[in-house]
Amino acid sequence: MATAQRFIVPDTEPKFTSADLLLLADDNKRYEIIEGELFVSRSPTFDHQFACTHLSHYLVGWNLESQLGEVVIAPGLVFADDDDVAPDLVWISHERLAGALDESRHFRVAPELVVEVLSPGKANEERDRKAKLKLYSRRGVQEYWIVDWITQQVEVYRRARRRLRLVETSLPKDKITSPLLPGFACQVSSLFFTPPGHKKPL
């Protein structure tokens, strides 16, 4: 996710809701609400979008072969009026997709897999590693990947004992696999940009 600002609403004030998002300007920023708090993200960087594009390429290729679900980039997950977010990438099975969309074609049900790509800054890390981890855990996501193009690693969280827990941190030499995605494998180093003439880290 791109660089974020966080607007915390005092307990004595009304919290932000999905209705408030409709009143905000269409200014190419991403507005999200988690437990009534508004998070504003600036336009993503090249490296951020490179990682999103390449991971979606691998997931779509696997999904075309398996025909098990759908891969969607930056969909709206509107779990409730005060939980309204747009992750970078999701995969949802056909079984879960049935009945998952509301009248506005937003998700009301959590996809099995959610992916966020980090951007630099403390606010971004706190949003994706704390606020969104808690949200996705609470709402029933089965697996959550945090892709960090700065350190070139991928943190994998899986549901265990009713919550998402960190199970592995994959380095450039590793391959990402998942029990949710039988037969899927992706080299971590392939997700990060390397200038022409330079070797990808091993």
C-alpha atoms as a PDB file:
ATOM      1  CA  MET A   1       0.000   0.000   0.000  1.00  0.00           C
ATOM      2  CA  ALA A   2       1.201   3.542  -0.705  1.00  0.00           C
ATOM      3  CA  THR A   3       2.251   6.240   1.793  1.00  0.00           C
ATOM      4  CA  ALA A   4      -0.483   6.760   4.389  1.00  0.00           C
ATOM      5  CA  GLN A   5      -1.852   9.403   6.695  1.00  0.00           C
ATOM      6  CA  ARG A   6      -3.929   8.373   9.718  1.00  0.00           C
ATOM      7  CA  PHE A   7      -6.837  10.347  11.133  1.00  0.00           C
ATOM      8  CA  ILE A   8      -7.858   9.063  14.580  1.00  0.00           C
ATOM      9  CA  VAL A   9     -11.319  10.049  15.722  1.00  0.00           C
ATOM     10  CA  PRO A  10     -11.653  10.730  19.475  1.00  0.00           C
ATOM     11  CA  ASP A  11     -14.117   8.464  21.273  1.00  0.00           C
ATOM     12  CA  THR A  12     -16.364  11.453  21.896  1.00  0.00           C
ATOM     13  CA  GLU A  13     -16.618  12.240  18.147  1.00  0.00           C
ATOM     14  CA  PRO A  14     -18.568  10.339  15.450  1.00  0.00           C
ATOM     15  CA  LYS A  15     -16.383   7.841  13.615  1.00  0.00           C
ATOM     16  CA  PHE A  16     -15.788   7.833   9.884  1.00  0.00           C
ATOM     17  CA  THR A  17     -18.109   5.595   7.844  1.00  0.00           C
ATOM     18  CA  SER A  18     -18.427   4.428   4.250  1.00  0.00           C
ATOM     19  CA  ALA A  19     -20.903   7.249   3.642  1.00  0.00           C
ATOM     20  CA  ASP A  20     -18.150   9.771   4.429  1.00  0.00           C
ATOM     21  CA  LEU A  21     -15.970   8.313   1.673  1.00  0.00           C
ATOM     22  CA  LEU A  22     -18.583   9.276  -0.909  1.00  0.00           C
ATOM     23  CA  LEU A  23     -18.129  12.932   0.085  1.00  0.00           C
ATOM     24  CA  LEU A  24     -14.354  12.983  -0.382  1.00  0.00           C
ATOM     25  CA  ALA A  25     -12.697  14.353  -3.507  1.00  0.00           C
ATOM     26  CA  ASP A  26     -11.708  12.044  -6.355  1.00  0.00           C
ATOM     27  CA  ASP A  27      -8.014  13.012  -6.143  1.00  0.00           C
ATOM     28  CA  ASN A  28      -6.206   9.736  -6.954  1.00  0.00           C
ATOM     29  CA  LYS A  29      -5.659   9.036  -3.266  1.00  0.00           C
ATOM     30  CA  ARG A  30      -6.888   5.878  -1.557  1.00  0.00           C
ATOM     31  CA  TYR A  31      -9.211   6.433   1.389  1.00  0.00           C
ATOM     32  CA  GLU A  32      -9.818   3.538   3.783  1.00  0.00           C
ATOM     33  CA  ILE A  33     -11.596   3.156   7.110  1.00  0.00           C
ATOM     34  CA  ILE A  34     -10.571   0.684   9.817  1.00  0.00           C
ATOM     35  CA  GLU A  35     -12.645   0.651  13.008  1.00  0.00           C
ATOM     36  CA  GLY A  36     -13.816   4.175  12.229  1.00  0.00           C
ATOM     37  CA  GLU A  37     -10.315   5.594  11.641  1.00  0.00           C
ATOM     38  CA  LEU A  38      -9.568   7.181   8.263  1.00  0.00           C
ATOM     39  CA  PHE A  39      -6.362   6.230   6.452  1.00  0.00           C
ATOM     40  CA  VAL A  40      -5.324   8.242   3.369  1.00  0.00           C
ATOM     41  CA  SER A  41      -2.742   6.809   0.969  1.00  0.00           C
ATOM     42  CA  ARG A  42      -0.833   8.757  -1.662  1.00  0.00           C
ATOM     43  CA  SER A  43      -0.135   7.473  -5.152  1.00  0.00           C
ATOM     44  CA  PRO A  44       2.018   4.313  -5.024  1.00  0.00           C
ATOM     45  CA  THR A  45       5.617   4.206  -6.207  1.00  0.00           C
ATOM     46  CA  PHE A  46       7.079   2.354  -9.192  1.00  0.00           C
ATOM     47  CA  ASP A  47       8.570  -0.359  -6.960  1.00  0.00           C
ATOM     48  CA  HIS A  48       5.255  -0.842  -5.175  1.00  0.00           C
ATOM     49  CA  GLN A  49       3.358  -1.271  -8.431  1.00  0.00           C
ATOM     50  CA  PHE A  50       6.077  -3.486  -9.899  1.00  0.00           C
ATOM     51  CA  ALA A  51       5.618  -5.939  -7.023  1.00  0.00           C
ATOM     52  CA  CYS A  52       1.811  -5.816  -7.333  1.00  0.00           C
ATOM     53  CA  THR A  53       1.917  -6.365 -11.084  1.00  0.00           C
ATOM     54  CA  HIS A  54       4.345  -9.267 -10.997  1.00  0.00           C
ATOM     55  CA  LEU A  55       2.617 -11.074  -8.129  1.00  0.00           C
ATOM     56  CA  SER A  56      -0.756 -10.685  -9.831  1.00  0.00           C
ATOM     57  CA  HIS A  57       0.796 -12.103 -13.026  1.00  0.00           C
ATOM     58  CA  TYR A  58       1.888 -15.270 -11.218  1.00  0.00           C
ATOM     59  CA  LEU A  59      -1.399 -15.636  -9.355  1.00  0.00           C
ATOM     60  CA  VAL A  60      -3.495 -15.120 -12.490  1.00  0.00           C
ATOM     61  CA  GLY A  61      -1.377 -17.641 -14.418  1.00  0.00           C
ATOM     62  CA  TRP A  62      -1.857 -20.246 -11.700  1.00  0.00           C
ATOM     63  CA  ASN A  63      -5.557 -19.454 -11.419  1.00  0.00           C
ATOM     64  CA  LEU A  64      -6.159 -19.827 -15.157  1.00  0.00           C
ATOM     65  CA  GLU A  65      -4.759 -23.348 -14.874  1.00  0.00           C
ATOM     66  CA  SER A  66      -6.490 -24.327 -11.647  1.00  0.00           C
ATOM     67  CA  GLN A  67      -9.845 -22.562 -12.247  1.00  0.00           C
ATOM     68  CA  LEU A  68     -10.346 -22.483  -8.465  1.00  0.00           C
ATOM     69  CA  GLY A  69     -11.268 -18.844  -7.970  1.00  0.00           C
ATOM     70  CA  GLU A  70     -10.604 -15.265  -9.003  1.00  0.00           C
ATOM     71  CA  VAL A  71      -7.689 -12.822  -8.612  1.00  0.00           C
ATOM     72  CA  VAL A  72      -8.700  -9.174  -8.144  1.00  0.00           C
ATOM     73  CA  ILE A  73      -6.552  -6.041  -7.888  1.00  0.00           C
ATOM     74  CA  ALA A  74      -7.488  -3.397  -5.275  1.00  0.00           C
ATOM     75  CA  PRO A  75     -11.114  -4.438  -4.722  1.00  0.00           C
ATOM     76  CA  GLY A  76     -13.346  -2.747  -2.183  1.00  0.00           C
ATOM     77  CA  LEU A  77     -13.778  -4.812   0.991  1.00  0.00           C
ATOM     78  CA  VAL A  78     -16.730  -3.212   2.759  1.00  0.00           C
ATOM     79  CA  PHE A  79     -17.161  -5.417   5.813  1.00  0.00           C
ATOM     80  CA  ALA A  80     -19.168  -2.773   7.660  1.00  0.00           C
ATOM     81  CA  ASP A  81     -19.736   0.987   7.611  1.00  0.00           C
ATOM     82  CA  ASP A  82     -16.644   1.480   9.782  1.00  0.00           C
ATOM     83  CA  ASP A  83     -14.475  -1.199   8.080  1.00  0.00           C
ATOM     84  CA  ASP A  84     -14.034  -0.218   4.432  1.00  0.00           C
ATOM     85  CA  VAL A  85     -10.653  -0.970   2.789  1.00  0.00           C
ATOM     86  CA  ALA A  86      -9.055  -1.720  -0.586  1.00  0.00           C
ATOM     87  CA  PRO A  87      -6.122  -4.160  -0.363  1.00  0.00           C
ATOM     88  CA  ASP A  88      -3.576  -4.327  -3.152  1.00  0.00           C
ATOM     89  CA  LEU A  89      -4.502  -7.824  -4.286  1.00  0.00           C
ATOM     90  CA  VAL A  90      -6.826 -10.662  -3.294  1.00  0.00           C
ATOM     91  CA  TRP A  91      -7.666 -14.222  -4.298  1.00  0.00           C
ATOM     92  CA  ILE A  92     -11.103 -15.647  -3.553  1.00  0.00           C
ATOM     93  CA  SER A  93     -12.436 -19.135  -4.276  1.00  0.00           C
ATOM     94  CA  HIS A  94     -15.537 -19.633  -6.400  1.00  0.00           C
ATOM     95  CA  GLU A  95     -17.284 -21.100  -3.364  1.00  0.00           C
ATOM     96  CA  ARG A  96     -16.650 -18.031  -1.231  1.00  0.00           C
ATOM     97  CA  LEU A  97     -17.297 -15.618  -4.095  1.00  0.00           C
ATOM     98  CA  ALA A  98     -20.864 -16.884  -4.451  1.00  0.00           C
ATOM     99  CA  GLY A  99     -22.925 -14.348  -2.528  1.00  0.00           C
ATOM    100  CA  ALA A 100     -19.864 -12.322  -1.444  1.00  0.00           C
ATOM    101  CA  LEU A 101     -20.691  -9.142  -3.397  1.00  0.00           C
ATOM    102  CA  ASP A 102     -23.180  -6.475  -2.364  1.00  0.00           C
ATOM    103  CA  GLU A 103     -25.407  -4.446  -4.695  1.00  0.00           C
ATOM    104  CA  SER A 104     -22.510  -2.069  -5.417  1.00  0.00           C
ATOM    105  CA  ARG A 105     -20.280  -5.049  -6.358  1.00  0.00           C
ATOM    106  CA  HIS A 106     -18.045  -4.637  -3.308  1.00  0.00           C
ATOM    107  CA  PHE A 107     -16.959  -7.568  -1.181  1.00  0.00           C
ATOM    108  CA  ARG A 108     -18.920  -8.069   2.032  1.00  0.00           C
ATOM    109  CA  VAL A 109     -17.178 -11.394   2.709  1.00  0.00           C
ATOM    110  CA  ALA A 110     -13.431 -11.760   3.274  1.00  0.00           C
ATOM    111  CA  PRO A 111     -11.403 -13.347   0.449  1.00  0.00           C
ATOM    112  CA  GLU A 112      -9.265 -16.329   1.450  1.00  0.00           C
ATOM    113  CA  LEU A 113      -6.013 -14.521   0.520  1.00  0.00           C
ATOM    114  CA  VAL A 114      -5.218 -10.828   0.933  1.00  0.00           C
ATOM    115  CA  VAL A 115      -1.942  -9.190  -0.158  1.00  0.00           C
ATOM    116  CA  GLU A 116      -0.584  -5.795   0.832  1.00  0.00           C
ATOM    117  CA  VAL A 117       2.624  -4.304  -0.575  1.00  0.00           C
ATOM    118  CA  LEU A 118       4.390  -2.060   1.931  1.00  0.00           C
ATOM    119  CA  SER A 119       5.481   1.487   1.250  1.00  0.00           C
ATOM    120  CA  PRO A 120       8.154   3.317   3.278  1.00  0.00           C
ATOM    121  CA  GLY A 121       7.237   5.005   6.531  1.00  0.00           C
ATOM    122  CA  LYS A 122       6.131   4.182  10.040  1.00  0.00           C
ATOM    123  CA  ALA A 123       2.472   5.013   9.337  1.00  0.00           C
ATOM    124  CA  ASN A 124       2.397   2.519   6.450  1.00  0.00           C
ATOM    125  CA  GLU A 125       3.935  -0.258   8.515  1.00  0.00           C
ATOM    126  CA  GLU A 126       1.574   0.331  11.438  1.00  0.00           C
ATOM    127  CA  ARG A 127      -1.448   0.287   9.135  1.00  0.00           C
ATOM    128  CA  ASP A 128      -0.519  -2.923   7.277  1.00  0.00           C
ATOM    129  CA  ARG A 129       1.201  -4.822  10.104  1.00  0.00           C
ATOM    130  CA  LYS A 130      -1.156  -3.830  12.900  1.00  0.00           C
ATOM    131  CA  ALA A 131      -4.484  -2.267  11.872  1.00  0.00           C
ATOM    132  CA  LYS A 132      -5.029  -4.341   8.736  1.00  0.00           C
ATOM    133  CA  LEU A 133      -3.635  -7.532  10.263  1.00  0.00           C
ATOM    134  CA  LYS A 134      -6.153  -7.160  13.084  1.00  0.00           C
ATOM    135  CA  LEU A 135      -8.969  -6.341  10.649  1.00  0.00           C
ATOM    136  CA  TYR A 136      -8.286  -9.266   8.309  1.00  0.00           C
ATOM    137  CA  SER A 137      -7.880 -11.615  11.250  1.00  0.00           C
ATOM    138  CA  ARG A 138     -11.177 -10.462  12.736  1.00  0.00           C
ATOM    139  CA  ARG A 139     -13.037 -10.692   9.436  1.00  0.00           C
ATOM    140  CA  GLY A 140     -12.006 -14.238   8.505  1.00  0.00           C
ATOM    141  CA  VAL A 141      -9.160 -13.919   5.983  1.00  0.00           C
ATOM    142  CA  GLN A 142      -7.344 -17.272   5.800  1.00  0.00           C
ATOM    143  CA  GLU A 143      -3.949 -16.017   4.643  1.00  0.00           C
ATOM    144  CA  TYR A 144      -2.322 -12.577   4.560  1.00  0.00           C
ATOM    145  CA  TRP A 145       0.888 -11.729   2.698  1.00  0.00           C
ATOM    146  CA  ILE A 146       2.840  -8.544   3.385  1.00  0.00           C
ATOM    147  CA  VAL A 147       5.255  -7.876   0.522  1.00  0.00           C
ATOM    148  CA  ASP A 148       8.175  -5.609   1.472  1.00  0.00           C
ATOM    149  CA  TRP A 149      10.065  -4.448  -1.620  1.00  0.00           C
ATOM    150  CA  ILE A 150      12.533  -2.453   0.508  1.00  0.00           C
ATOM    151  CA  THR A 151      13.866  -5.479   2.438  1.00  0.00           C
ATOM    152  CA  GLN A 152      12.858  -7.799  -0.434  1.00  0.00           C
ATOM    153  CA  GLN A 153      10.963 -10.299   1.650  1.00  0.00           C
ATOM    154  CA  VAL A 154       7.407 -11.572   2.081  1.00  0.00           C
ATOM    155  CA  GLU A 155       5.767 -12.157   5.463  1.00  0.00           C
ATOM    156  CA  VAL A 156       3.152 -14.918   5.391  1.00  0.00           C
ATOM    157  CA  TYR A 157       0.398 -14.986   8.009  1.00  0.00           C
ATOM    158  CA  ARG A 158      -1.991 -17.961   8.208  1.00  0.00           C
ATOM    159  CA  ARG A 159      -5.073 -18.543  10.295  1.00  0.00           C
ATOM    160  CA  ALA A 160      -4.443 -20.719  13.345  1.00  0.00           C
ATOM    161  CA  ARG A 161      -6.515 -20.882  16.513  1.00  0.00           C
ATOM    162  CA  ARG A 162      -8.977 -18.304  15.136  1.00  0.00           C
ATOM    163  CA  ARG A 163      -6.439 -15.602  14.248  1.00  0.00           C
ATOM    164  CA  LEU A 164      -3.781 -14.790  11.660  1.00  0.00           C
ATOM    165  CA  ARG A 165      -0.272 -15.666  12.830  1.00  0.00           C
ATOM    166  CA  LEU A 166       3.126 -15.143  11.212  1.00  0.00           C
ATOM    167  CA  VAL A 167       4.279 -18.538   9.963  1.00  0.00           C
ATOM    168  CA  GLU A 168       7.221 -17.633   7.724  1.00  0.00           C
ATOM    169  CA  THR A 169       9.261 -14.806   6.275  1.00  0.00           C
ATOM    170  CA  SER A 170      10.335 -15.652   2.729  1.00  0.00           C
ATOM    171  CA  LEU A 171      13.608 -14.247   1.394  1.00  0.00           C
ATOM    172  CA  PRO A 172      14.591 -13.632  -2.273  1.00  0.00           C
ATOM    173  CA  LYS A 173      15.991 -17.165  -2.657  1.00  0.00           C
ATOM    174  CA  ASP A 174      12.751 -18.728  -1.370  1.00  0.00           C
ATOM    175  CA  LYS A 175       9.540 -19.630  -3.163  1.00  0.00           C
ATOM    176  CA  ILE A 176       6.114 -18.673  -1.901  1.00  0.00           C
ATOM    177  CA  THR A 177       3.655 -21.544  -1.682  1.00  0.00           C
ATOM    178  CA  SER A 178       0.317 -21.912   0.057  1.00  0.00           C
ATOM    179  CA  PRO A 179      -2.054 -24.678   1.111  1.00  0.00           C
ATOM    180  CA  LEU A 180      -4.811 -22.438  -0.264  1.00  0.00           C
ATOM    181  CA  LEU A 181      -3.253 -22.512  -3.733  1.00  0.00           C
ATOM    182  CA  PRO A 182      -2.306 -26.116  -4.641  1.00  0.00           C
ATOM    183  CA  GLY A 183       0.536 -26.160  -7.140  1.00  0.00           C
ATOM    184  CA  PHE A 184       1.285 -22.433  -6.885  1.00  0.00           C
ATOM    185  CA  ALA A 185       4.931 -21.376  -6.466  1.00  0.00           C
ATOM    186  CA  CYS A 186       6.534 -17.980  -6.964  1.00  0.00           C
ATOM    187  CA  GLN A 187      10.187 -17.007  -6.569  1.00  0.00           C
ATOM    188  CA  VAL A 188      10.340 -14.083  -4.132  1.00  0.00           C
ATOM    189  CA  SER A 189      13.156 -12.341  -6.029  1.00  0.00           C
ATOM    190  CA  SER A 190      10.954 -12.132  -9.139  1.00  0.00           C
ATOM    191  CA  LEU A 191       8.620  -9.696  -7.370  1.00  0.00           C
ATOM    192  CA  PHE A 192      11.191  -6.928  -7.048  1.00  0.00           C
ATOM    193  CA  PHE A 193      12.647  -4.641  -9.694  1.00  0.00           C
ATOM    194  CA  THR A 194      16.260  -5.147 -10.695  1.00  0.00           C
ATOM    195  CA  PRO A 195      17.817  -2.618 -13.152  1.00  0.00           C
ATOM    196  CA  PRO A 196      18.972  -4.062 -16.486  1.00  0.00           C
ATOM    197  CA  GLY A 197      22.489  -5.490 -16.234  1.00  0.00           C
ATOM    198  CA  HIS A 198      22.178  -6.258 -12.541  1.00  0.00           C
ATOM    199  CA  LYS A 199      21.655  -9.707 -11.080  1.00  0.00           C
ATOM    200  CA  LYS A 200      18.697 -10.393  -8.847  1.00  0.00           C
ATOM    201  CA  PRO A 201      19.730 -11.146  -5.237  1.00  0.00           C
ATOM    202  CA  LEU A 202      19.955 -14.808  -4.304  1.00  0.00           C
END
